[in-house]
Amino acid sequence: MTDITADPRYLEARRYACRVRGFYIHATVFVLVNAGLFALSLVTQRGHSGFAWGTFGWGIGLLAHGLSVFAFGNLFGRSWEERKIREYLERRP
């Protein structure tokens, strides 16, 4: 059995797994809280869906979180960071 921690990309893979887990936790909390708010809205405000605006706003945040993890995760990832560090160190004082 090989030791996965010896892989040179282990730390990068671990950071990615943590970001994915964070998104899944965010999505789970979104669904649970909004289901509870929906149920509460049905019981207390018959026919009035005031919770929808909060759900809409939070949904935009959840979408942005998902895009940052799955679609644009490398946009400002490790290679970008290393490139910016190199650029800074190569500038003349």
N, C-alpha and C. Protein backbone atom coordinates (compact mmCIF):
# COMPACT_ATOMS: atom_id res chain seq x y z
N MET A 1 0.85 -1.17 0.00
CA MET A 1 0.00 0.00 0.00
C MET A 1 0.89 1.24 0.00
N THR A 2 0.59 2.19 -0.89
CA THR A 2 1.41 3.40 -0.99
C THR A 2 0.89 4.47 -0.04
N ASP A 3 1.80 5.29 0.40
CA ASP A 3 1.47 6.40 1.30
C ASP A 3 1.08 7.60 0.45
N ILE A 4 -0.20 7.98 0.51
CA ILE A 4 -0.66 9.09 -0.34
C ILE A 4 -0.05 10.42 0.07
N THR A 5 0.40 10.53 1.31
CA THR A 5 0.98 11.80 1.75
C THR A 5 2.33 12.05 1.10
N ALA A 6 2.91 11.03 0.49
CA ALA A 6 4.20 11.20 -0.19
C ALA A 6 4.02 11.81 -1.58
N ASP A 7 2.83 11.80 -2.10
CA ASP A 7 2.57 12.37 -3.42
C ASP A 7 2.82 13.87 -3.37
N PRO A 8 3.54 14.43 -4.35
CA PRO A 8 3.84 15.86 -4.33
C PRO A 8 2.60 16.76 -4.40
N ARG A 9 1.49 16.24 -4.92
CA ARG A 9 0.27 17.05 -5.02
C ARG A 9 -0.69 16.79 -3.86
N TYR A 10 -0.23 16.10 -2.82
CA TYR A 10 -1.10 15.75 -1.70
C TYR A 10 -1.71 16.98 -1.03
N LEU A 11 -0.90 17.98 -0.73
CA LEU A 11 -1.42 19.17 -0.05
C LEU A 11 -2.45 19.90 -0.89
N GLU A 12 -2.20 19.97 -2.19
CA GLU A 12 -3.16 20.61 -3.09
C GLU A 12 -4.47 19.83 -3.12
N ALA A 13 -4.38 18.51 -3.18
CA ALA A 13 -5.57 17.66 -3.19
C ALA A 13 -6.33 17.78 -1.87
N ARG A 14 -5.61 17.89 -0.79
CA ARG A 14 -6.25 18.03 0.53
C ARG A 14 -7.00 19.36 0.63
N ARG A 15 -6.37 20.44 0.13
CA ARG A 15 -7.04 21.75 0.13
C ARG A 15 -8.31 21.71 -0.72
N TYR A 16 -8.23 21.04 -1.87
CA TYR A 16 -9.41 20.92 -2.74
C TYR A 16 -10.52 20.15 -2.03
N ALA A 17 -10.17 19.04 -1.41
CA ALA A 17 -11.17 18.24 -0.69
C ALA A 17 -11.83 19.06 0.42
N CYS A 18 -11.07 19.89 1.10
CA CYS A 18 -11.63 20.75 2.15
C CYS A 18 -12.58 21.78 1.56
N ARG A 19 -12.24 22.33 0.40
CA ARG A 19 -13.13 23.30 -0.25
C ARG A 19 -14.43 22.65 -0.70
N VAL A 20 -14.34 21.42 -1.24
CA VAL A 20 -15.53 20.69 -1.67
C VAL A 20 -16.40 20.37 -0.46
N ARG A 21 -15.77 19.91 0.63
CA ARG A 21 -16.54 19.62 1.85
C ARG A 21 -17.25 20.88 2.35
N GLY A 22 -16.55 22.01 2.33
CA GLY A 22 -17.15 23.27 2.75
C GLY A 22 -18.37 23.62 1.92
N PHE A 23 -18.29 23.39 0.61
CA PHE A 23 -19.44 23.66 -0.24
C PHE A 23 -20.60 22.73 0.10
N TYR A 24 -20.32 21.44 0.28
CA TYR A 24 -21.39 20.49 0.61
C TYR A 24 -22.06 20.84 1.94
N ILE A 25 -21.28 21.27 2.91
CA ILE A 25 -21.85 21.69 4.19
C ILE A 25 -22.74 22.92 3.98
N HIS A 26 -22.25 23.87 3.20
CA HIS A 26 -23.02 25.08 2.90
C HIS A 26 -24.34 24.71 2.22
N ALA A 27 -24.29 23.82 1.24
CA ALA A 27 -25.50 23.42 0.51
C ALA A 27 -26.48 22.70 1.42
N THR A 28 -25.97 21.84 2.30
CA THR A 28 -26.84 21.12 3.23
C THR A 28 -27.53 22.08 4.20
N VAL A 29 -26.79 23.02 4.74
CA VAL A 29 -27.38 24.01 5.65
C VAL A 29 -28.41 24.85 4.90
N PHE A 30 -28.11 25.23 3.66
CA PHE A 30 -29.05 26.00 2.84
C PHE A 30 -30.38 25.26 2.70
N VAL A 31 -30.30 23.98 2.34
CA VAL A 31 -31.53 23.20 2.14
C VAL A 31 -32.30 23.05 3.45
N LEU A 32 -31.62 22.69 4.52
CA LEU A 32 -32.30 22.46 5.79
C LEU A 32 -32.94 23.74 6.35
N VAL A 33 -32.19 24.82 6.35
CA VAL A 33 -32.72 26.08 6.89
C VAL A 33 -33.89 26.58 6.05
N ASN A 34 -33.75 26.53 4.74
CA ASN A 34 -34.83 27.03 3.89
C ASN A 34 -36.06 26.12 3.91
N ALA A 35 -35.87 24.83 4.09
CA ALA A 35 -37.02 23.94 4.26
C ALA A 35 -37.75 24.29 5.56
N GLY A 36 -37.00 24.55 6.61
CA GLY A 36 -37.61 24.96 7.88
C GLY A 36 -38.34 26.29 7.75
N LEU A 37 -37.72 27.24 7.08
CA LEU A 37 -38.37 28.55 6.88
C LEU A 37 -39.63 28.42 6.03
N PHE A 38 -39.58 27.55 5.03
CA PHE A 38 -40.75 27.33 4.19
C PHE A 38 -41.90 26.75 5.02
N ALA A 39 -41.57 25.73 5.83
CA ALA A 39 -42.59 25.11 6.69
C ALA A 39 -43.16 26.14 7.66
N LEU A 40 -42.30 26.93 8.26
CA LEU A 40 -42.74 27.96 9.19
C LEU A 40 -43.61 28.99 8.48
N SER A 41 -43.26 29.34 7.27
CA SER A 41 -44.04 30.30 6.48
C SER A 41 -45.42 29.74 6.17
N LEU A 42 -45.50 28.47 5.87
CA LEU A 42 -46.80 27.85 5.59
C LEU A 42 -47.70 27.87 6.82
N VAL A 43 -47.12 27.66 7.98
CA VAL A 43 -47.90 27.60 9.22
C VAL A 43 -48.34 28.99 9.67
N THR A 44 -47.47 29.98 9.53
CA THR A 44 -47.76 31.28 10.12
C THR A 44 -48.29 32.33 9.15
N GLN A 45 -47.95 32.25 7.88
CA GLN A 45 -48.33 33.32 6.94
C GLN A 45 -49.01 32.73 5.72
N ARG A 46 -50.13 32.22 5.88
CA ARG A 46 -50.83 31.55 4.78
C ARG A 46 -50.85 32.42 3.51
N GLY A 47 -50.26 31.88 2.44
CA GLY A 47 -50.29 32.55 1.16
C GLY A 47 -49.24 33.64 0.98
N HIS A 48 -48.47 33.95 1.99
CA HIS A 48 -47.46 35.01 1.87
C HIS A 48 -46.07 34.37 1.98
N SER A 49 -45.28 34.51 0.93
CA SER A 49 -43.98 33.84 0.90
C SER A 49 -42.85 34.85 1.09
N GLY A 50 -42.75 35.44 2.24
CA GLY A 50 -41.71 36.42 2.53
C GLY A 50 -40.32 35.81 2.64
N PHE A 51 -40.25 34.53 2.93
CA PHE A 51 -38.95 33.87 3.06
C PHE A 51 -38.23 33.76 1.72
N ALA A 52 -38.95 33.91 0.61
CA ALA A 52 -38.38 33.68 -0.72
C ALA A 52 -37.23 34.63 -1.03
N TRP A 53 -37.30 35.88 -0.57
CA TRP A 53 -36.22 36.83 -0.86
C TRP A 53 -34.92 36.44 -0.18
N GLY A 54 -35.02 35.98 1.04
CA GLY A 54 -33.83 35.50 1.74
C GLY A 54 -33.24 34.28 1.07
N THR A 55 -34.12 33.38 0.64
CA THR A 55 -33.68 32.17 -0.06
C THR A 55 -33.00 32.54 -1.38
N PHE A 56 -33.57 33.49 -2.08
CA PHE A 56 -32.99 33.95 -3.35
C PHE A 56 -31.59 34.52 -3.14
N GLY A 57 -31.45 35.41 -2.17
CA GLY A 57 -30.14 36.01 -1.88
C GLY A 57 -29.11 35.00 -1.46
N TRP A 58 -29.52 34.11 -0.57
CA TRP A 58 -28.61 33.08 -0.10
C TRP A 58 -28.27 32.12 -1.24
N GLY A 59 -29.24 31.87 -2.12
CA GLY A 59 -28.98 31.01 -3.28
C GLY A 59 -27.91 31.59 -4.20
N ILE A 60 -27.92 32.91 -4.35
CA ILE A 60 -26.86 33.55 -5.14
C ILE A 60 -25.50 33.32 -4.48
N GLY A 61 -25.46 33.44 -3.16
CA GLY A 61 -24.21 33.18 -2.45
C GLY A 61 -23.76 31.74 -2.58
N LEU A 62 -24.71 30.82 -2.52
CA LEU A 62 -24.39 29.40 -2.68
C LEU A 62 -23.88 29.11 -4.10
N LEU A 63 -24.50 29.73 -5.08
CA LEU A 63 -24.05 29.58 -6.46
C LEU A 63 -22.62 30.09 -6.61
N ALA A 64 -22.34 31.26 -6.05
CA ALA A 64 -20.99 31.81 -6.12
C ALA A 64 -19.99 30.89 -5.44
N HIS A 65 -20.38 30.32 -4.31
CA HIS A 65 -19.50 29.39 -3.60
C HIS A 65 -19.21 28.17 -4.48
N GLY A 66 -20.26 27.61 -5.09
CA GLY A 66 -20.08 26.45 -5.96
C GLY A 66 -19.20 26.75 -7.15
N LEU A 67 -19.40 27.91 -7.77
CA LEU A 67 -18.56 28.28 -8.91
C LEU A 67 -17.11 28.45 -8.49
N SER A 68 -16.89 29.01 -7.30
CA SER A 68 -15.52 29.22 -6.84
C SER A 68 -14.81 27.89 -6.57
N VAL A 69 -15.57 26.87 -6.21
CA VAL A 69 -14.96 25.57 -5.91
C VAL A 69 -14.80 24.74 -7.18
N PHE A 70 -15.87 24.65 -7.98
CA PHE A 70 -15.87 23.70 -9.09
C PHE A 70 -15.51 24.30 -10.45
N ALA A 71 -15.86 25.54 -10.71
CA ALA A 71 -15.63 26.11 -12.04
C ALA A 71 -14.39 27.00 -12.09
N PHE A 72 -14.23 27.85 -11.11
CA PHE A 72 -13.15 28.83 -11.15
C PHE A 72 -12.15 28.63 -10.01
N GLY A 73 -12.07 27.44 -9.48
CA GLY A 73 -11.19 27.17 -8.35
C GLY A 73 -9.73 27.44 -8.65
N ASN A 74 -9.35 27.24 -9.91
CA ASN A 74 -7.95 27.45 -10.27
C ASN A 74 -7.68 28.87 -10.74
N LEU A 75 -8.72 29.67 -10.87
CA LEU A 75 -8.54 31.03 -11.34
C LEU A 75 -7.59 31.80 -10.43
N PHE A 76 -7.79 31.70 -9.14
CA PHE A 76 -6.89 32.33 -8.18
C PHE A 76 -6.28 31.27 -7.27
N GLY A 77 -5.93 30.14 -7.85
CA GLY A 77 -5.40 29.01 -7.09
C GLY A 77 -3.91 29.13 -6.83
N ARG A 78 -3.31 28.01 -6.57
CA ARG A 78 -1.91 27.95 -6.18
C ARG A 78 -0.98 28.49 -7.26
N SER A 79 -1.24 28.16 -8.52
CA SER A 79 -0.34 28.63 -9.59
C SER A 79 -0.41 30.15 -9.71
N TRP A 80 -1.60 30.73 -9.56
CA TRP A 80 -1.74 32.19 -9.59
C TRP A 80 -0.96 32.80 -8.44
N GLU A 81 -1.12 32.21 -7.26
CA GLU A 81 -0.43 32.73 -6.07
C GLU A 81 1.08 32.66 -6.26
N GLU A 82 1.59 31.55 -6.75
CA GLU A 82 3.03 31.42 -6.96
C GLU A 82 3.52 32.42 -8.01
N ARG A 83 2.74 32.63 -9.07
CA ARG A 83 3.11 33.58 -10.10
C ARG A 83 3.20 34.99 -9.53
N LYS A 84 2.23 35.37 -8.70
CA LYS A 84 2.24 36.70 -8.09
C LYS A 84 3.41 36.87 -7.12
N ILE A 85 3.74 35.84 -6.39
CA ILE A 85 4.90 35.89 -5.49
C ILE A 85 6.17 36.09 -6.29
N ARG A 86 6.30 35.33 -7.39
CA ARG A 86 7.48 35.47 -8.25
C ARG A 86 7.57 36.87 -8.84
N GLU A 87 6.43 37.39 -9.30
CA GLU A 87 6.41 38.75 -9.86
C GLU A 87 6.84 39.77 -8.81
N TYR A 88 6.37 39.64 -7.61
CA TYR A 88 6.73 40.57 -6.55
C TYR A 88 8.22 40.49 -6.22
N LEU A 89 8.74 39.27 -6.13
CA LEU A 89 10.15 39.11 -5.78
C LEU A 89 11.08 39.57 -6.89
N GLU A 90 10.63 39.54 -8.14
CA GLU A 90 11.47 39.95 -9.26
C GLU A 90 11.47 41.45 -9.49
N ARG A 91 10.55 42.17 -8.86
CA ARG A 91 10.52 43.65 -9.01
C ARG A 91 11.75 44.25 -8.36
N ARG A 92 12.20 45.30 -8.97
CA ARG A 92 13.32 46.03 -8.40
C ARG A 92 12.82 46.88 -7.24
N PRO A 93 13.57 46.96 -6.15
CA PRO A 93 13.13 47.78 -5.01
C PRO A 93 13.24 49.26 -5.28
